[in-house]
C-alpha atoms as a PDB file:
ATOM      1  CA  UNK A   1     148.684  20.839  54.860  1.00  0.00           C
ATOM      2  CA  UNK A   2     144.979  20.860  54.079  1.00  0.00           C
ATOM      3  CA  UNK A   3     142.543  21.829  56.771  1.00  0.00           C
ATOM      4  CA  UNK A   4     139.819  19.291  57.497  1.00  0.00           C
ATOM      5  CA  UNK A   5     136.192  20.341  57.877  1.00  0.00           C
ATOM      6  CA  UNK A   6     136.146  18.753  61.317  1.00  0.00           C
ATOM      7  CA  UNK A   7     139.100  20.912  62.414  1.00  0.00           C
ATOM      8  CA  UNK A   8     137.199  24.016  61.414  1.00  0.00           C
ATOM      9  CA  UNK A   9     134.074  22.782  63.175  1.00  0.00           C
ATOM     10  CA  UNK A  10     136.108  22.077  66.324  1.00  0.00           C
ATOM     11  CA  UNK A  11     137.469  25.612  66.164  1.00  0.00           C
ATOM     12  CA  UNK A  12     133.960  27.058  65.904  1.00  0.00           C
ATOM     13  CA  UNK A  13     132.606  24.795  68.679  1.00  0.00           C
ATOM     14  CA  UNK A  14     135.381  25.784  71.092  1.00  0.00           C
ATOM     15  CA  UNK A  15     134.886  29.472  70.333  1.00  0.00           C
ATOM     16  CA  UNK A  16     131.153  29.048  70.900  1.00  0.00           C
ATOM     17  CA  UNK A  17     131.707  27.338  74.287  1.00  0.00           C
ATOM     18  CA  UNK A  18     133.791  30.327  75.339  1.00  0.00           C
ATOM     19  CA  UNK A  19     131.184  32.830  74.133  1.00  0.00           C
ATOM     20  CA  UNK A  20     133.564  34.244  71.537  1.00  0.00           C
ATOM     21  CA  UNK A  21     132.504  35.773  68.248  1.00  0.00           C
ATOM     22  CA  UNK A  22     133.594  34.115  64.997  1.00  0.00           C
ATOM     23  CA  UNK A  23     133.786  36.173  61.821  1.00  0.00           C
ATOM     24  CA  UNK A  24     134.813  34.846  58.404  1.00  0.00           C
ATOM     25  CA  UNK A  25     135.814  37.162  55.568  1.00  0.00           C
ATOM     26  CA  UNK A  26     137.634  36.913  52.267  1.00  0.00           C
ATOM     27  CA  UNK A  27     140.817  38.949  51.875  1.00  0.00           C
ATOM     28  CA  UNK A  28     142.180  40.611  48.708  1.00  0.00           C
ATOM     29  CA  UNK A  29     143.972  37.374  47.727  1.00  0.00           C
ATOM     30  CA  UNK A  30     140.760  35.354  47.979  1.00  0.00           C
ATOM     31  CA  UNK A  31     141.887  33.599  51.155  1.00  0.00           C
ATOM     32  CA  UNK A  32     139.505  33.167  54.078  1.00  0.00           C
ATOM     33  CA  UNK A  33     140.300  35.045  57.263  1.00  0.00           C
ATOM     34  CA  UNK A  34     138.699  33.531  60.352  1.00  0.00           C
ATOM     35  CA  UNK A  35     138.681  35.989  63.233  1.00  0.00           C
ATOM     36  CA  UNK A  36     137.829  34.803  66.740  1.00  0.00           C
ATOM     37  CA  UNK A  37     137.395  37.538  69.317  1.00  0.00           C
ATOM     38  CA  UNK A  38     135.577  38.784  72.397  1.00  0.00           C
ATOM     39  CA  UNK A  39     132.792  41.000  71.143  1.00  0.00           C
ATOM     40  CA  UNK A  40     133.010  43.783  73.719  1.00  0.00           C
ATOM     41  CA  UNK A  41     136.680  43.558  74.596  1.00  0.00           C
ATOM     42  CA  UNK A  42     138.712  42.298  71.624  1.00  0.00           C
ATOM     43  CA  UNK A  43     141.902  43.421  73.353  1.00  0.00           C
ATOM     44  CA  UNK A  44     141.386  40.474  75.737  1.00  0.00           C
ATOM     45  CA  UNK A  45     141.136  37.907  72.941  1.00  0.00           C
ATOM     46  CA  UNK A  46     141.525  38.486  69.206  1.00  0.00           C
ATOM     47  CA  UNK A  47     143.019  35.760  67.000  1.00  0.00           C
ATOM     48  CA  UNK A  48     143.148  35.269  63.229  1.00  0.00           C
ATOM     49  CA  UNK A  49     143.485  32.080  61.210  1.00  0.00           C
ATOM     50  CA  UNK A  50     143.928  32.262  57.443  1.00  0.00           C
ATOM     51  CA  UNK A  51     142.821  29.451  55.134  1.00  0.00           C
ATOM     52  CA  UNK A  52     143.771  29.615  51.473  1.00  0.00           C
ATOM     53  CA  UNK A  53     141.364  29.059  48.573  1.00  0.00           C
ATOM     54  CA  UNK A  54     142.758  25.533  48.223  1.00  0.00           C
ATOM     55  CA  UNK A  55     141.965  24.771  51.869  1.00  0.00           C
ATOM     56  CA  UNK A  56     145.587  24.998  53.011  1.00  0.00           C
ATOM     57  CA  UNK A  57     146.586  26.270  56.451  1.00  0.00           C
ATOM     58  CA  UNK A  58     148.831  29.279  56.207  1.00  0.00           C
ATOM     59  CA  UNK A  59     150.643  31.126  58.963  1.00  0.00           C
ATOM     60  CA  UNK A  60     152.342  33.832  56.942  1.00  0.00           C
ATOM     61  CA  UNK A  61     149.170  35.970  57.235  1.00  0.00           C
ATOM     62  CA  UNK A  62     147.685  34.883  60.570  1.00  0.00           C
ATOM     63  CA  UNK A  63     148.288  32.492  63.429  1.00  0.00           C
ATOM     64  CA  UNK A  64     148.656  28.761  62.805  1.00  0.00           C
ATOM     65  CA  UNK A  65     145.401  26.859  63.344  1.00  0.00           C
ATOM     66  CA  UNK A  66     147.100  24.559  65.868  1.00  0.00           C
ATOM     67  CA  UNK A  67     148.222  27.559  67.938  1.00  0.00           C
ATOM     68  CA  UNK A  68     144.714  29.020  68.042  1.00  0.00           C
ATOM     69  CA  UNK A  69     143.229  25.615  68.942  1.00  0.00           C
ATOM     70  CA  UNK A  70     145.707  25.267  71.809  1.00  0.00           C
ATOM     71  CA  UNK A  71     144.888  28.782  72.984  1.00  0.00           C
ATOM     72  CA  UNK A  72     141.167  27.971  72.971  1.00  0.00           C
ATOM     73  CA  UNK A  73     141.870  24.707  74.825  1.00  0.00           C
ATOM     74  CA  UNK A  74     143.750  26.650  77.522  1.00  0.00           C
ATOM     75  CA  UNK A  75     140.877  29.109  77.844  1.00  0.00           C
ATOM     76  CA  UNK A  76     138.379  26.234  78.081  1.00  0.00           C
ATOM     77  CA  UNK A  77     140.502  24.633  80.798  1.00  0.00           C
ATOM     78  CA  UNK A  78     140.661  27.931  82.705  1.00  0.00           C
ATOM     79  CA  UNK A  79     136.893  28.280  82.397  1.00  0.00           C
ATOM     80  CA  UNK A  80     136.392  24.735  83.734  1.00  0.00           C
ATOM     81  CA  UNK A  81     138.768  25.368  86.654  1.00  0.00           C
ATOM     82  CA  UNK A  82     136.814  28.524  87.556  1.00  0.00           C
ATOM     83  CA  UNK A  83     133.554  26.555  87.411  1.00  0.00           C
ATOM     84  CA  UNK A  84     134.965  23.843  89.681  1.00  0.00           C
ATOM     85  CA  UNK A  85     136.291  26.428  92.135  1.00  0.00           C
ATOM     86  CA  UNK A  86     132.920  28.219  92.235  1.00  0.00           C
ATOM     87  CA  UNK A  87     131.128  24.909  92.822  1.00  0.00           C
ATOM     88  CA  UNK A  88     133.489  23.998  95.672  1.00  0.00           C
ATOM     89  CA  UNK A  89     133.024  27.444  97.207  1.00  0.00           C
ATOM     90  CA  UNK A  90     129.248  27.048  96.996  1.00  0.00           C
ATOM     91  CA  UNK A  91     129.460  23.614  98.672  1.00  0.00           C
ATOM     92  CA  UNK A  92     131.730  24.983 101.391  1.00  0.00           C
ATOM     93  CA  UNK A  93     129.391  27.877 102.129  1.00  0.00           C
ATOM     94  CA  UNK A  94     126.436  25.480 102.259  1.00  0.00           C
ATOM     95  CA  UNK A  95     128.188  23.523 105.050  1.00  0.00           C
ATOM     96  CA  UNK A  96     128.608  26.583 107.252  1.00  0.00           C
ATOM     97  CA  UNK A  97     126.276  27.171 110.138  1.00  0.00           C
ATOM     98  CA  UNK A  98     124.123  30.309 110.082  1.00  0.00           C
ATOM     99  CA  UNK A  99     126.377  31.827 112.755  1.00  0.00           C
ATOM    100  CA  UNK A 100     129.516  31.130 110.694  1.00  0.00           C
ATOM    101  CA  UNK A 101     127.898  32.670 107.613  1.00  0.00           C
ATOM    102  CA  UNK A 102     127.008  35.775 109.609  1.00  0.00           C
ATOM    103  CA  UNK A 103     130.560  36.043 110.963  1.00  0.00           C
ATOM    104  CA  UNK A 104     131.909  35.849 107.418  1.00  0.00           C
ATOM    105  CA  UNK A 105     129.267  38.343 106.263  1.00  0.00           C
ATOM    106  CA  UNK A 106     127.760  35.801 103.873  1.00  0.00           C
ATOM    107  CA  UNK A 107     124.004  35.789 103.538  1.00  0.00           C
END
């Protein structure tokens, strides 16, 4: 199945939102290897997608594009949940009285 330009752009946009690094190289067969990873801790996230010269998705060398997209979607969802939780915490702390903040050692 041929990869669409918009699929590739979505992949790059999601990686960018997560602050991940995207690297594209050509392998010995002339296929394109797209690596998406965390710059300073690739052990936390390091995925490869391989696209053939004819623009076909291939999973015999790397992960399927759909799998990587789903993984990025999960990470984006986790990031959004953390943001919501932090916002709720901030709102909750703002409602506390100065005495309650002091008792909780929040300043």
